[in-house]
Amino acid sequence: STSYAPATSSQSNQLLISNAQSRWQNSYAATQDALRVQAGIVGNLDTNRIQTSALVTSSQGASGALQATQAGNQILALNAQQLADLTAVVTAQGRAQSLEAAQRASAQDQGREQLRRFLTPGQGYQSSNVQMFH
C-alpha cells in the first residue's frame, strides 16, 4: 500500500526515491527466490530419475501383491513430491512476475509524477550581481 501506491504531488522526492528502491529490492528478492527454487528442483532431477527407475524396477519384479502395492505407493509418493516441486517453481515464478509488473507500473506512475514536477512552472532563473574577486 505504500511502495506500490500511485505517486502523488504531496509526496516528497525522498519518499519517491525510497519507494522506488523498495520496489526494486522486492523484485530482486522475488527473482532470487525463484532462481533458488528452480536450482533446488534442478538439483533433485537426477535423484528423482534414479528413484523412479529403481521403483519401477522394483514394482515390475514384485512377487506378491503387498510388494507391488508398496512399490506403487512409493511411485505415487515420488510423483506427489515432483508435483509439489513443480508447484513451488510455478508459484515462485508467478510471484516474481507479479512483483515485476507491479514495479513497472509504479515506476511509470512515478515517472509521470516526476515529469509533471519538472514541467511545472516555477520561479525560474533570477539573475543577480556576483563579485568574482575581492
Protein backbone atom coordinates (compact mmCIF):
# COMPACT_ATOMS: atom_id res chain seq x y z
CA SER A 1 0.00 0.00 0.00
CA THR A 2 2.97 2.33 0.33
CA SER A 3 5.72 1.22 -2.06
CA TYR A 4 3.32 0.38 -4.88
CA ALA A 5 0.78 3.15 -4.29
CA PRO A 6 0.36 5.74 -7.04
CA ALA A 7 2.70 8.70 -6.77
CA THR A 8 1.04 11.93 -5.69
CA SER A 9 2.10 15.54 -5.74
CA SER A 10 2.10 15.59 -1.93
CA GLN A 11 4.91 13.02 -1.69
CA SER A 12 8.44 14.27 -1.22
CA ASN A 13 11.19 13.45 -3.70
CA GLN A 14 12.90 11.40 -0.98
CA LEU A 15 9.75 9.31 -0.50
CA LEU A 16 9.51 8.69 -4.25
CA ILE A 17 13.14 7.52 -4.26
CA SER A 18 12.61 5.38 -1.17
CA ASN A 19 9.54 3.70 -2.70
CA ALA A 20 11.39 3.05 -5.96
CA GLN A 21 14.27 1.44 -4.06
CA SER A 22 11.84 -0.68 -2.05
CA ARG A 23 10.08 -1.85 -5.21
CA TRP A 24 13.39 -2.75 -6.81
CA GLN A 25 14.52 -4.69 -3.73
CA ASN A 26 11.21 -6.62 -3.65
CA SER A 27 11.52 -7.53 -7.34
CA TYR A 28 15.16 -8.51 -6.87
CA ALA A 29 14.32 -10.71 -3.86
CA ALA A 30 11.45 -12.39 -5.73
CA THR A 31 13.70 -13.14 -8.69
CA GLN A 32 16.40 -14.56 -6.39
CA ASP A 33 13.77 -16.70 -4.65
CA ALA A 34 12.52 -18.06 -7.98
CA LEU A 35 16.07 -18.90 -9.03
CA ARG A 36 16.79 -20.63 -5.69
CA VAL A 37 13.65 -22.75 -6.01
CA GLN A 38 14.49 -23.65 -9.60
CA ALA A 39 18.07 -24.54 -8.68
CA GLY A 40 16.86 -26.81 -5.87
CA ILE A 41 14.47 -28.60 -8.15
CA VAL A 42 17.04 -28.98 -10.90
CA GLY A 43 19.32 -30.49 -8.26
CA ASN A 44 16.59 -33.02 -7.43
CA LEU A 45 16.10 -34.17 -11.02
CA ASP A 46 18.88 -36.77 -11.05
CA THR A 47 17.84 -38.14 -7.67
CA ASN A 48 14.21 -38.35 -8.77
CA ARG A 49 15.17 -40.07 -12.01
CA ILE A 50 17.24 -42.68 -10.14
CA GLN A 51 14.48 -43.24 -7.57
CA THR A 52 11.83 -43.57 -10.26
CA SER A 53 13.92 -46.08 -12.17
CA ALA A 54 14.56 -48.13 -9.04
CA LEU A 55 10.89 -48.05 -8.03
CA VAL A 56 9.70 -49.07 -11.48
CA THR A 57 12.19 -51.96 -11.49
CA SER A 58 11.05 -52.93 -8.01
CA SER A 59 7.38 -52.83 -8.94
CA GLN A 60 7.99 -54.87 -12.08
CA GLY A 61 9.88 -57.50 -10.13
CA ALA A 62 7.47 -57.61 -7.18
CA SER A 63 6.50 -61.17 -6.34
CA GLY A 64 3.48 -60.54 -4.16
CA ALA A 65 0.53 -58.20 -4.08
CA LEU A 66 1.89 -56.39 -0.99
CA GLN A 67 5.26 -55.72 -2.61
CA ALA A 68 3.59 -54.48 -5.80
CA THR A 69 1.28 -52.22 -3.78
CA GLN A 70 4.19 -50.81 -1.75
CA ALA A 71 6.21 -50.11 -4.89
CA GLY A 72 3.17 -48.44 -6.45
CA ASN A 73 2.68 -46.32 -3.33
CA GLN A 74 6.33 -45.26 -3.44
CA ILE A 75 5.96 -44.23 -7.07
CA LEU A 76 2.85 -42.22 -6.16
CA ALA A 77 4.74 -40.55 -3.29
CA LEU A 78 7.60 -39.61 -5.62
CA ASN A 79 5.08 -38.31 -8.14
CA ALA A 80 3.47 -36.19 -5.41
CA GLN A 81 6.90 -34.78 -4.49
CA GLN A 82 7.58 -33.89 -8.11
CA LEU A 83 4.19 -32.14 -8.34
CA ALA A 84 4.99 -30.21 -5.17
CA ASP A 85 8.33 -29.15 -6.70
CA LEU A 86 6.58 -28.04 -9.87
CA THR A 87 4.03 -26.10 -7.84
CA ALA A 88 6.84 -24.37 -5.95
CA VAL A 89 8.52 -23.33 -9.21
CA VAL A 90 5.31 -22.01 -10.73
CA THR A 91 4.47 -20.12 -7.53
CA ALA A 92 7.93 -18.55 -7.25
CA GLN A 93 7.94 -17.54 -10.90
CA GLY A 94 4.43 -16.12 -10.60
CA ARG A 95 5.45 -14.07 -7.56
CA ALA A 96 8.49 -12.71 -9.38
CA GLN A 97 6.45 -11.82 -12.46
CA SER A 98 3.69 -10.17 -10.41
CA LEU A 99 6.16 -8.06 -8.47
CA GLU A 100 7.96 -7.12 -11.68
CA ALA A 101 4.67 -5.99 -13.25
CA ALA A 102 3.72 -4.02 -10.14
CA GLN A 103 7.18 -2.47 -10.02
CA ARG A 104 6.95 -1.48 -13.68
CA ALA A 105 3.51 0.10 -13.23
CA SER A 106 4.62 2.00 -10.13
CA ALA A 107 7.79 3.18 -11.85
CA GLN A 108 5.76 4.50 -14.79
CA ASP A 109 3.41 6.30 -12.43
CA GLN A 110 6.32 7.76 -10.51
CA GLY A 111 7.96 8.83 -13.78
CA ARG A 112 4.79 10.69 -14.79
CA GLU A 113 4.75 12.48 -11.43
CA GLN A 114 8.41 13.43 -11.70
CA LEU A 115 7.89 14.72 -15.25
CA ARG A 116 4.90 16.74 -14.06
CA ARG A 117 7.06 18.27 -11.30
CA PHE A 118 9.82 19.04 -13.77
CA LEU A 119 7.46 20.73 -16.23
CA THR A 120 5.54 22.71 -13.60
CA PRO A 121 6.42 26.37 -13.98
CA GLY A 122 8.38 27.63 -11.05
CA GLN A 123 10.33 30.68 -10.07
CA GLY A 124 12.82 30.17 -12.88
CA TYR A 125 16.21 31.77 -13.24
CA GLN A 126 16.76 35.04 -11.45
CA SER A 127 19.88 36.96 -12.39
CA SER A 128 21.89 38.57 -9.64
CA ASN A 129 25.13 40.52 -9.31
CA VAL A 130 28.13 38.42 -8.47
CA GLN A 131 31.51 39.63 -7.28
CA MET A 132 34.26 37.34 -8.54
CA PHE A 133 37.38 38.73 -6.81
CA HIS A 134 37.67 40.65 -3.58
